[in-house]
Amino acid sequence: MKYVNKLVLAALIGSGSLLVNGTALALDGATLYKTKTCVACHGAEAKAPVLPSYPKLAGQNAAYTLQQMKDIKSGARNNGQTAAMKPVMHLVSDEEMQAIADWLQTLK
């Protein structure tokens, strides 16, 4: 019985570190916004982009934001505004895009 308890404990500890090192971080939109370089153009709080032509993302509808990111990544949206984002979007998974979009929607 002690062996089984140790095995279960080891499995829980191992899965916990996976969550900390992988999935949990991948689902943190605020962290992803910073680490995926969104902050460089759209501002620290997504309210003050570096250029007036860049959109303010704070409070934007998550479904709309997600679709824009997907369209930029796929090339369906391809204009002068997307040139800077296209290379970055290839570094962002669909799950990460969703987390970022969900987080942006919560901002005021």
Protein backbone atom coordinates (compact mmCIF):
# COMPACT_ATOMS: atom_id res chain seq x y z
CA MET A 1 0.00 0.00 0.00
CA LYS A 2 2.84 2.41 0.81
CA TYR A 3 4.30 1.73 -2.64
CA VAL A 4 0.98 2.60 -4.32
CA ASN A 5 0.66 5.84 -2.32
CA LYS A 6 4.21 6.85 -3.27
CA LEU A 7 3.48 6.05 -6.90
CA VAL A 8 0.30 8.14 -6.86
CA LEU A 9 2.11 11.00 -5.13
CA ALA A 10 4.93 10.87 -7.70
CA ALA A 11 2.38 10.94 -10.53
CA LEU A 12 0.59 13.94 -9.02
CA ILE A 13 3.83 15.84 -8.53
CA GLY A 14 4.91 15.03 -12.07
CA SER A 15 1.60 16.12 -13.58
CA GLY A 16 1.64 19.27 -11.48
CA SER A 17 4.99 20.29 -12.90
CA LEU A 18 3.65 19.68 -16.39
CA LEU A 19 0.81 22.06 -15.67
CA VAL A 20 3.17 24.70 -14.38
CA ASN A 21 5.61 24.27 -17.26
CA GLY A 22 3.10 23.75 -20.05
CA THR A 23 -0.63 23.81 -20.11
CA ALA A 24 -1.33 26.27 -17.31
CA LEU A 25 1.08 28.83 -18.70
CA ALA A 26 -0.22 28.29 -22.22
CA LEU A 27 -3.68 29.23 -21.02
CA ASP A 28 -2.64 32.45 -19.25
CA GLY A 29 -3.64 35.14 -21.72
CA ALA A 30 -1.92 37.97 -19.84
CA THR A 31 1.40 36.13 -19.81
CA LEU A 32 1.05 35.09 -23.44
CA TYR A 33 0.25 38.66 -24.47
CA LYS A 34 3.61 39.68 -23.06
CA THR A 35 5.72 36.70 -24.11
CA LYS A 36 4.35 36.48 -27.66
CA THR A 37 5.32 40.16 -28.15
CA CYS A 38 1.79 41.58 -28.53
CA VAL A 39 2.79 44.16 -25.93
CA ALA A 40 5.48 45.59 -28.25
CA CYS A 41 2.94 47.07 -30.66
CA HIS A 42 -0.36 47.13 -28.79
CA GLY A 43 0.94 48.48 -25.47
CA ALA A 44 1.32 47.05 -21.98
CA GLU A 45 -2.40 47.20 -21.21
CA ALA A 46 -3.59 46.82 -24.83
CA LYS A 47 -4.89 50.41 -24.66
CA ALA A 48 -2.03 52.45 -26.13
CA PRO A 49 -0.59 51.03 -29.35
CA VAL A 50 2.77 52.36 -30.51
CA LEU A 51 1.22 53.69 -33.73
CA PRO A 52 -2.20 55.34 -34.02
CA SER A 53 -3.10 52.99 -36.88
CA TYR A 54 -2.68 49.90 -34.67
CA PRO A 55 -5.86 48.81 -32.89
CA LYS A 56 -6.56 49.15 -29.19
CA LEU A 57 -7.30 45.59 -28.12
CA ALA A 58 -8.50 46.06 -24.53
CA GLY A 59 -12.16 45.10 -24.21
CA GLN A 60 -12.44 43.83 -27.77
CA ASN A 61 -14.87 40.96 -28.35
CA ALA A 62 -12.96 37.68 -27.95
CA ALA A 63 -14.57 35.95 -30.94
CA TYR A 64 -13.72 38.90 -33.21
CA THR A 65 -10.13 39.14 -31.95
CA LEU A 66 -9.60 35.40 -32.31
CA GLN A 67 -10.91 35.44 -35.87
CA GLN A 68 -8.63 38.34 -36.79
CA MET A 69 -5.61 36.50 -35.40
CA LYS A 70 -6.54 33.32 -37.27
CA ASP A 71 -7.12 35.25 -40.50
CA ILE A 72 -3.76 36.98 -40.22
CA LYS A 73 -2.02 33.68 -39.50
CA SER A 74 -3.66 31.91 -42.45
CA GLY A 75 -3.22 34.83 -44.84
CA ALA A 76 -6.97 35.37 -45.27
CA ARG A 77 -6.42 38.87 -43.90
CA ASN A 78 -3.47 40.34 -45.72
CA ASN A 79 -2.98 44.10 -45.85
CA GLY A 80 -0.44 46.66 -44.72
CA GLN A 81 -1.53 46.33 -41.11
CA THR A 82 -0.93 42.59 -41.04
CA ALA A 83 2.67 42.66 -42.28
CA ALA A 84 4.12 43.03 -38.78
CA MET A 85 1.78 40.47 -37.20
CA LYS A 86 2.03 37.65 -39.72
CA PRO A 87 5.50 36.42 -38.63
CA VAL A 88 4.50 36.64 -34.96
CA MET A 89 1.24 34.73 -35.42
CA HIS A 90 3.13 31.67 -36.63
CA LEU A 91 4.58 31.45 -33.13
CA VAL A 92 1.12 31.36 -31.51
CA SER A 93 -1.03 28.22 -31.35
CA ASP A 94 -4.81 28.25 -31.68
CA GLU A 95 -5.15 27.57 -27.95
CA GLU A 96 -2.83 30.47 -27.14
CA MET A 97 -4.76 32.77 -29.48
CA GLN A 98 -7.96 31.84 -27.67
CA ALA A 99 -6.40 32.55 -24.27
CA ILE A 100 -5.10 35.94 -25.43
CA ALA A 101 -8.45 36.88 -26.99
CA ASP A 102 -10.35 35.82 -23.85
CA TRP A 103 -8.00 37.87 -21.65
CA LEU A 104 -8.21 40.96 -23.86
CA GLN A 105 -12.00 40.86 -23.65
CA THR A 106 -11.81 41.15 -19.85
CA LEU A 107 -9.89 44.44 -19.98
CA LYS A 108 -11.71 47.75 -19.68
